[in-house]
C-alpha cells in the first residue's frame, strides 16, 4: 500500500467515531465484506484520526466462516447495539439457511430501536425476511433477483449497484459495498476524502446508486448491434408472456426473416432458441432459489403446461425440473445457493 499523502485531508470533527456492526452470516462473501471494511480503515489512516470504527458480530459470538473457507473471530454475538450504530448484514451462499430465527429476531429488535440496517450481497435477503424492506427500495445480486422478487412482493426491487432508502441500505454484492461506503464517507466528510480513499484503493471509477449492476447487453453478448440489443432487451423484459418472433421483428422495424438472419449471424442460434434459453435460465433460478411449485415456475416463465416445461427443461439441462430441485436440496439451500464470487 502506498504511503499516505503528506497533507491530511480535512474531515468533519466529531466527538466519537461512527461505528459499524458487521453481522457475518454463515458462508458470507469475503469480497463484499472487505469492500465495506477497507474504505473505513483507509479513511481513518488518511484523516489521521479514528473517524470510523467497527465490530464483527454473529450468532454464537465466537467465529464466522466465509464462503472461501476463511474464518473470522467475532467481537460480539447477538447483543443489543447502540442506536447510532449501523448494522450491515454480510450474506453469501445459502443465505436462506444462514438467516436463522435468532438472526431474524435480532434484526427486528434492533430495527424497532431505530438502528440503520443494511444488507451486503445476499444479506438483503435476511433484512427482507425480517420484514424490514417492505415498501422500501432495495437491490440484490442479479443472479438472485428472480427468487427475491417472487418471495418479497412488497419490496421495490431495483437493479442498482446499491440503494440507500432512509435507514435501510442494500448492495448488489461483489465490489458494490465499496461504492456504498465511499458514498457514506463522502456524505460524512465531503467528497475529497472519499476520492482520496478511492485513489488509495486504486479504484478509479466510483459508481453511484444510479448505476446498474449488470454489464450492458452488447458487452455481455460481445456484439454491438443496436437492433439485436433492443430485441434481447424485449425478450428479457417479457419472460412470463413471451413475444412472438414476428412481434419482436416488427418492434425493431425488420422482417421475421431478417431477425432470423441477425441471430444466426451473431449468436449462432435462432431467436426462438435464444428466447427459450433465457426463459429456462430464469426457471432454473426460481427452482433453486424459491419454494415455488414447479407448475408456478412454469407459468412464471411463459410455459402453458408443466409437461411442455419439463420437456424443454430436460432437453436443455439433461434433467427434469423435479430432479433439479431435489439435487439442489430445496428448499434448504434457497436463494443464493449458486452465488460463488
Protein backbone atom coordinates (compact mmCIF):
# COMPACT_ATOMS: atom_id res chain seq x y z
CA UNK A 1 0.00 0.00 0.00
CA UNK A 2 1.45 3.44 -0.92
CA UNK A 3 2.28 5.84 1.88
CA UNK A 4 -0.46 8.24 2.92
CA UNK A 5 -0.41 11.77 1.47
CA UNK A 6 1.75 14.22 3.42
CA UNK A 7 -1.14 16.66 3.75
CA UNK A 8 -4.05 15.07 5.57
CA UNK A 9 -7.47 15.50 4.03
CA UNK A 10 -9.73 17.72 6.08
CA UNK A 11 -12.58 15.87 7.75
CA UNK A 12 -15.54 16.92 9.82
CA UNK A 13 -14.72 16.73 13.51
CA UNK A 14 -16.90 14.52 15.67
CA UNK A 15 -16.90 13.54 19.32
CA UNK A 16 -16.83 9.82 18.60
CA UNK A 17 -16.14 7.63 15.57
CA UNK A 18 -19.13 6.41 13.61
CA UNK A 19 -19.46 2.70 14.34
CA UNK A 20 -20.49 -0.12 12.03
CA UNK A 21 -21.56 -3.54 13.26
CA UNK A 22 -20.99 -6.14 10.56
CA UNK A 23 -23.19 -9.18 11.10
CA UNK A 24 -21.40 -12.10 9.47
CA UNK A 25 -23.82 -14.80 8.33
CA UNK A 26 -22.50 -18.30 7.76
CA UNK A 27 -20.85 -18.62 4.32
CA UNK A 28 -20.75 -14.84 3.80
CA UNK A 29 -18.86 -13.46 0.80
CA UNK A 30 -15.43 -12.08 1.66
CA UNK A 31 -15.28 -9.62 -1.25
CA UNK A 32 -18.39 -7.75 -0.13
CA UNK A 33 -17.22 -7.79 3.50
CA UNK A 34 -13.76 -6.47 2.62
CA UNK A 35 -15.27 -3.87 0.29
CA UNK A 36 -17.17 -2.46 3.25
CA UNK A 37 -14.49 -2.51 5.92
CA UNK A 38 -11.38 -1.46 3.96
CA UNK A 39 -12.63 2.01 2.95
CA UNK A 40 -13.27 2.73 6.65
CA UNK A 41 -9.76 1.68 7.59
CA UNK A 42 -8.21 3.76 4.83
CA UNK A 43 -10.37 6.77 5.73
CA UNK A 44 -9.03 6.61 9.29
CA UNK A 45 -5.46 6.38 8.04
CA UNK A 46 -5.77 9.28 5.63
CA UNK A 47 -7.58 11.56 8.06
CA UNK A 48 -5.10 10.88 10.84
CA UNK A 49 -7.80 10.04 13.38
CA UNK A 50 -10.37 7.36 14.12
CA UNK A 51 -13.45 8.66 12.37
CA UNK A 52 -14.87 5.17 11.89
CA UNK A 53 -14.87 2.02 14.00
CA UNK A 54 -16.38 -1.40 13.55
CA UNK A 55 -17.24 -4.62 15.32
CA UNK A 56 -17.81 -8.11 13.91
CA UNK A 57 -20.95 -9.81 15.14
CA UNK A 58 -22.54 -13.16 14.56
CA UNK A 59 -24.75 -15.83 16.02
CA UNK A 60 -22.88 -17.51 18.85
CA UNK A 61 -20.39 -14.65 19.16
CA UNK A 62 -17.29 -16.81 18.60
CA UNK A 63 -16.35 -17.04 14.92
CA UNK A 64 -17.82 -16.92 11.42
CA UNK A 65 -16.70 -18.67 8.25
CA UNK A 66 -16.99 -17.15 4.78
CA UNK A 67 -17.59 -18.96 1.51
CA UNK A 68 -13.88 -19.34 0.71
CA UNK A 69 -13.26 -21.17 3.99
CA UNK A 70 -11.56 -18.37 5.92
CA UNK A 71 -12.75 -17.83 9.50
CA UNK A 72 -13.02 -14.60 11.47
CA UNK A 73 -13.05 -14.10 15.23
CA UNK A 74 -16.16 -12.22 16.31
CA UNK A 75 -16.31 -9.31 18.74
CA UNK A 76 -19.88 -9.95 19.85
CA UNK A 77 -22.93 -12.14 19.49
CA UNK A 78 -26.49 -11.00 19.00
CA UNK A 79 -26.41 -8.42 21.78
CA UNK A 80 -28.02 -5.01 21.72
CA UNK A 81 -26.10 -2.34 19.77
CA UNK A 82 -26.08 1.43 20.18
CA UNK A 83 -28.90 3.23 18.40
CA UNK A 84 -26.34 5.29 16.46
CA UNK A 85 -24.63 2.16 15.11
CA UNK A 86 -25.11 0.98 11.55
CA UNK A 87 -25.72 -2.76 11.17
CA UNK A 88 -24.57 -4.31 7.90
CA UNK A 89 -25.64 -7.92 7.28
CA UNK A 90 -22.97 -9.73 5.26
CA UNK A 91 -24.52 -12.57 3.27
CA UNK A 92 -23.30 -15.00 0.66
CA UNK A 93 -24.06 -18.63 -0.09
CA UNK A 94 -27.06 -20.49 1.38
CA UNK A 95 -28.40 -17.29 2.89
CA UNK A 96 -31.85 -18.75 3.46
CA UNK A 97 -30.29 -21.31 5.77
CA UNK A 98 -27.97 -18.72 7.35
CA UNK A 99 -30.85 -16.33 8.08
CA UNK A 100 -31.82 -18.23 11.22
CA UNK A 101 -34.65 -17.37 13.58
CA UNK A 102 -32.27 -15.79 16.16
CA UNK A 103 -30.75 -13.60 13.43
CA UNK A 104 -34.16 -12.50 12.13
CA UNK A 105 -35.41 -11.75 15.64
CA UNK A 106 -32.26 -9.75 16.39
CA UNK A 107 -32.69 -7.66 13.24
CA UNK A 108 -36.32 -6.95 14.08
CA UNK A 109 -35.42 -5.94 17.62
CA UNK A 110 -32.68 -3.55 16.53
CA UNK A 111 -34.94 -2.10 13.82
CA UNK A 112 -37.58 -1.32 16.45
CA UNK A 113 -34.92 0.64 18.32
CA UNK A 114 -34.31 2.79 15.24
CA UNK A 115 -30.99 1.32 14.14
CA UNK A 116 -29.96 1.75 10.49
CA UNK A 117 -29.73 -1.70 8.90
CA UNK A 118 -28.31 -2.72 5.54
CA UNK A 119 -27.67 -5.91 3.61
CA UNK A 120 -24.47 -6.58 1.69
CA UNK A 121 -24.70 -9.07 -1.19
CA UNK A 122 -27.41 -11.60 -0.28
CA UNK A 123 -27.60 -10.06 3.20
CA UNK A 124 -30.56 -8.14 1.78
CA UNK A 125 -32.47 -11.44 1.88
CA UNK A 126 -32.14 -11.62 5.68
CA UNK A 127 -33.20 -7.98 6.03
CA UNK A 128 -36.23 -8.60 3.80
CA UNK A 129 -37.06 -11.84 5.66
CA UNK A 130 -37.25 -9.76 8.84
CA UNK A 131 -39.83 -7.57 7.09
CA UNK A 132 -37.56 -4.53 7.19
CA UNK A 133 -37.62 -3.81 3.45
CA UNK A 134 -41.40 -3.79 2.96
CA UNK A 135 -42.31 -0.69 0.97
CA UNK A 136 -38.62 0.14 0.55
CA UNK A 137 -36.37 0.21 -2.48
CA UNK A 138 -33.66 -2.43 -2.40
CA UNK A 139 -31.22 -4.37 -4.53
CA UNK A 140 -29.57 -7.78 -4.52
CA UNK A 141 -27.16 -9.62 -6.82
CA UNK A 142 -28.65 -10.03 -10.30
CA UNK A 143 -28.45 -13.84 -10.06
CA UNK A 144 -30.78 -13.76 -7.04
CA UNK A 145 -33.28 -11.20 -8.27
CA UNK A 146 -35.81 -13.66 -9.69
CA UNK A 147 -36.21 -15.60 -6.45
CA UNK A 148 -36.11 -12.46 -4.29
CA UNK A 149 -38.85 -10.77 -6.34
CA UNK A 150 -41.11 -13.81 -6.05
CA UNK A 151 -40.68 -14.12 -2.27
CA UNK A 152 -40.79 -10.44 -1.30
CA UNK A 153 -43.50 -8.80 -3.37
CA UNK A 154 -43.70 -5.74 -1.09
CA UNK A 155 -40.07 -4.78 -1.71
CA UNK A 156 -39.38 -2.33 -4.55
CA UNK A 157 -36.55 -4.30 -6.12
CA UNK A 158 -34.12 -2.39 -8.35
CA UNK A 159 -31.07 -3.35 -10.39
CA UNK A 160 -28.91 -0.63 -8.86
CA UNK A 161 -25.38 -1.14 -7.54
CA UNK A 162 -26.57 -0.06 -4.12
CA UNK A 163 -29.66 1.51 -2.56
CA UNK A 164 -30.00 3.80 0.45
CA UNK A 165 -33.70 4.18 1.24
CA UNK A 166 -33.81 6.02 4.53
CA UNK A 167 -32.35 3.81 7.24
CA UNK A 168 -32.45 0.69 5.04
CA UNK A 169 -29.48 0.02 2.79
CA UNK A 170 -28.61 -2.79 0.38
CA UNK A 171 -25.91 -3.64 -2.13
CA UNK A 172 -25.75 -5.95 -5.13
CA UNK A 173 -22.68 -7.87 -3.97
CA UNK A 174 -19.09 -8.02 -5.18
CA UNK A 175 -17.41 -4.62 -5.14
CA UNK A 176 -20.69 -2.70 -4.76
CA UNK A 177 -20.21 -2.45 -0.98
CA UNK A 178 -17.12 -0.36 -1.71
CA UNK A 179 -19.25 2.11 -3.66
CA UNK A 180 -21.73 2.28 -0.78
CA UNK A 181 -19.02 3.03 1.77
CA UNK A 182 -17.44 5.69 -0.43
CA UNK A 183 -20.87 7.32 -0.59
CA UNK A 184 -21.09 7.20 3.21
CA UNK A 185 -17.63 8.73 3.57
CA UNK A 186 -18.44 11.48 1.06
CA UNK A 187 -21.66 12.30 2.93
CA UNK A 188 -19.93 12.33 6.32
CA UNK A 189 -16.71 14.10 5.37
CA UNK A 190 -17.06 15.58 1.86
CA UNK A 191 -16.13 14.04 -1.48
CA UNK A 192 -12.45 14.97 -1.18
CA UNK A 193 -11.86 12.29 1.45
CA UNK A 194 -13.90 9.69 -0.44
CA UNK A 195 -11.93 10.38 -3.62
CA UNK A 196 -8.63 10.07 -1.75
CA UNK A 197 -9.76 6.75 -0.25
CA UNK A 198 -10.68 5.51 -3.75
CA UNK A 199 -7.23 6.56 -5.02
CA UNK A 200 -5.54 4.63 -2.23
CA UNK A 201 -7.57 1.56 -3.16
CA UNK A 202 -6.75 2.00 -6.89
CA UNK A 203 -10.47 2.32 -7.50
CA UNK A 204 -10.67 4.60 -10.50
CA UNK A 205 -14.41 4.75 -11.15
CA UNK A 206 -16.72 5.39 -8.21
CA UNK A 207 -20.23 4.23 -9.04
CA UNK A 208 -23.44 5.72 -7.68
CA UNK A 209 -26.88 4.37 -6.87
CA UNK A 210 -27.87 5.35 -10.42
CA UNK A 211 -25.54 2.73 -11.89
CA UNK A 212 -26.93 -0.71 -12.68
CA UNK A 213 -25.11 -3.89 -11.74
CA UNK A 214 -25.07 -5.93 -14.93
CA UNK A 215 -22.93 -5.32 -17.97
CA UNK A 216 -24.72 -3.82 -20.94
CA UNK A 217 -26.25 -6.27 -23.40
CA UNK A 218 -23.66 -5.53 -26.12
CA UNK A 219 -20.86 -6.22 -23.65
CA UNK A 220 -22.48 -9.41 -22.36
CA UNK A 221 -23.07 -10.93 -25.80
CA UNK A 222 -19.90 -9.49 -27.33
CA UNK A 223 -21.82 -7.86 -30.18
CA UNK A 224 -22.58 -4.20 -30.74
CA UNK A 225 -25.67 -4.18 -32.90
CA UNK A 226 -28.42 -1.78 -31.75
CA UNK A 227 -31.38 -3.76 -33.10
CA UNK A 228 -30.07 -7.05 -31.72
CA UNK A 229 -29.60 -5.45 -28.29
CA UNK A 230 -33.10 -4.00 -28.45
CA UNK A 231 -34.66 -7.36 -29.24
CA UNK A 232 -32.76 -9.10 -26.41
CA UNK A 233 -33.88 -6.38 -24.02
CA UNK A 234 -37.50 -7.01 -25.01
CA UNK A 235 -37.02 -10.74 -24.51
CA UNK A 236 -35.58 -10.25 -21.03
CA UNK A 237 -38.49 -7.96 -20.12
CA UNK A 238 -41.15 -10.37 -21.36
CA UNK A 239 -40.39 -13.76 -19.84
CA UNK A 240 -43.82 -14.56 -18.38
CA UNK A 241 -45.63 -13.55 -21.59
CA UNK A 242 -43.18 -14.27 -24.42
CA UNK A 243 -43.41 -12.22 -27.58
CA UNK A 244 -43.52 -13.94 -30.96
CA UNK A 245 -40.59 -13.55 -33.40
CA UNK A 246 -42.94 -11.63 -35.70
CA UNK A 247 -43.82 -9.13 -32.96
CA UNK A 248 -40.17 -8.73 -31.96
CA UNK A 249 -39.18 -8.10 -35.56
CA UNK A 250 -41.96 -5.57 -36.04
CA UNK A 251 -40.89 -3.65 -32.92
CA UNK A 252 -37.43 -3.03 -34.38
CA UNK A 253 -38.57 -2.43 -37.95
CA UNK A 254 -37.44 -5.56 -39.72
CA UNK A 255 -38.94 -8.73 -41.15
CA UNK A 256 -39.01 -12.05 -39.32
CA UNK A 257 -36.56 -13.45 -41.85
CA UNK A 258 -34.15 -10.57 -41.24
CA UNK A 259 -34.41 -11.18 -37.50
CA UNK A 260 -33.60 -14.86 -38.01
CA UNK A 261 -30.51 -13.97 -40.07
CA UNK A 262 -29.40 -11.45 -37.44
CA UNK A 263 -29.48 -14.02 -34.64
CA UNK A 264 -27.87 -16.72 -36.76
CA UNK A 265 -25.05 -14.39 -37.79
CA UNK A 266 -24.15 -13.01 -34.35
CA UNK A 267 -25.38 -15.64 -31.84
CA UNK A 268 -25.41 -18.83 -33.92
CA UNK A 269 -28.96 -19.70 -32.89
CA UNK A 270 -32.49 -18.73 -33.82
CA UNK A 271 -34.41 -16.01 -31.91
CA UNK A 272 -36.78 -18.73 -30.68
CA UNK A 273 -33.88 -20.80 -29.30
CA UNK A 274 -32.25 -17.80 -27.62
CA UNK A 275 -35.56 -16.77 -26.05
CA UNK A 276 -36.13 -20.32 -24.78
CA UNK A 277 -32.69 -20.33 -23.13
CA UNK A 278 -33.48 -17.06 -21.33
CA UNK A 279 -36.77 -18.49 -20.03
CA UNK A 280 -35.17 -21.74 -18.91
CA UNK A 281 -32.41 -19.86 -17.11
CA UNK A 282 -34.99 -17.92 -15.14
CA UNK A 283 -36.86 -21.15 -14.42
CA UNK A 284 -33.68 -22.71 -13.06
CA UNK A 285 -33.08 -19.70 -10.83
CA UNK A 286 -36.60 -19.96 -9.43
CA UNK A 287 -36.28 -23.69 -8.84
CA UNK A 288 -33.03 -23.22 -6.95
CA UNK A 289 -33.86 -20.01 -5.07
CA UNK A 290 -37.52 -20.38 -4.09
CA UNK A 291 -40.02 -22.96 -2.91
CA UNK A 292 -42.44 -22.14 -5.74
CA UNK A 293 -44.19 -25.19 -7.15
CA UNK A 294 -42.94 -26.47 -10.49
CA UNK A 295 -46.31 -25.52 -12.01
CA UNK A 296 -45.96 -21.91 -10.84
CA UNK A 297 -42.36 -21.78 -12.06
CA UNK A 298 -43.54 -22.95 -15.46
CA UNK A 299 -46.24 -20.27 -15.61
CA UNK A 300 -43.82 -17.56 -14.44
CA UNK A 301 -41.53 -18.43 -17.33
CA UNK A 302 -44.15 -18.49 -20.05
CA UNK A 303 -44.89 -22.23 -20.34
CA UNK A 304 -48.53 -23.15 -20.81
CA UNK A 305 -48.24 -26.60 -19.24
CA UNK A 306 -45.91 -28.42 -16.80
CA UNK A 307 -45.38 -31.21 -19.33
CA UNK A 308 -44.11 -28.81 -22.00
CA UNK A 309 -41.93 -27.09 -19.43
CA UNK A 310 -40.47 -30.40 -18.26
CA UNK A 311 -39.77 -31.50 -21.82
CA UNK A 312 -37.94 -28.25 -22.69
CA UNK A 313 -36.05 -28.24 -19.39
CA UNK A 314 -34.88 -31.82 -19.85
CA UNK A 315 -33.75 -31.11 -23.39
CA UNK A 316 -31.63 -28.15 -22.26
CA UNK A 317 -30.31 -29.26 -18.86
CA UNK A 318 -30.48 -33.05 -19.27
CA UNK A 319 -32.59 -33.37 -16.13
CA UNK A 320 -36.17 -32.67 -15.10
CA UNK A 321 -37.27 -29.67 -13.00
CA UNK A 322 -38.24 -32.05 -10.18
CA UNK A 323 -34.83 -33.75 -10.15
CA UNK A 324 -33.08 -30.39 -10.41
CA UNK A 325 -34.80 -29.21 -7.26
CA UNK A 326 -34.08 -32.50 -5.50
CA UNK A 327 -30.35 -32.45 -6.26
CA UNK A 328 -30.12 -28.86 -5.08
CA UNK A 329 -31.62 -29.75 -1.71
CA UNK A 330 -34.52 -27.32 -1.93
CA UNK A 331 -35.81 -25.60 -0.04
CA UNK A 332 -32.89 -25.71 2.38
CA UNK A 333 -30.35 -24.09 0.06
CA UNK A 334 -32.67 -21.35 -1.08
CA UNK A 335 -31.70 -18.02 -2.52
CA UNK A 336 -28.02 -17.50 -3.00
CA UNK A 337 -27.20 -21.20 -3.39
CA UNK A 338 -25.35 -20.57 -6.65
CA UNK A 339 -23.61 -17.41 -5.55
CA UNK A 340 -19.90 -18.14 -5.68
CA UNK A 341 -17.97 -14.97 -6.46
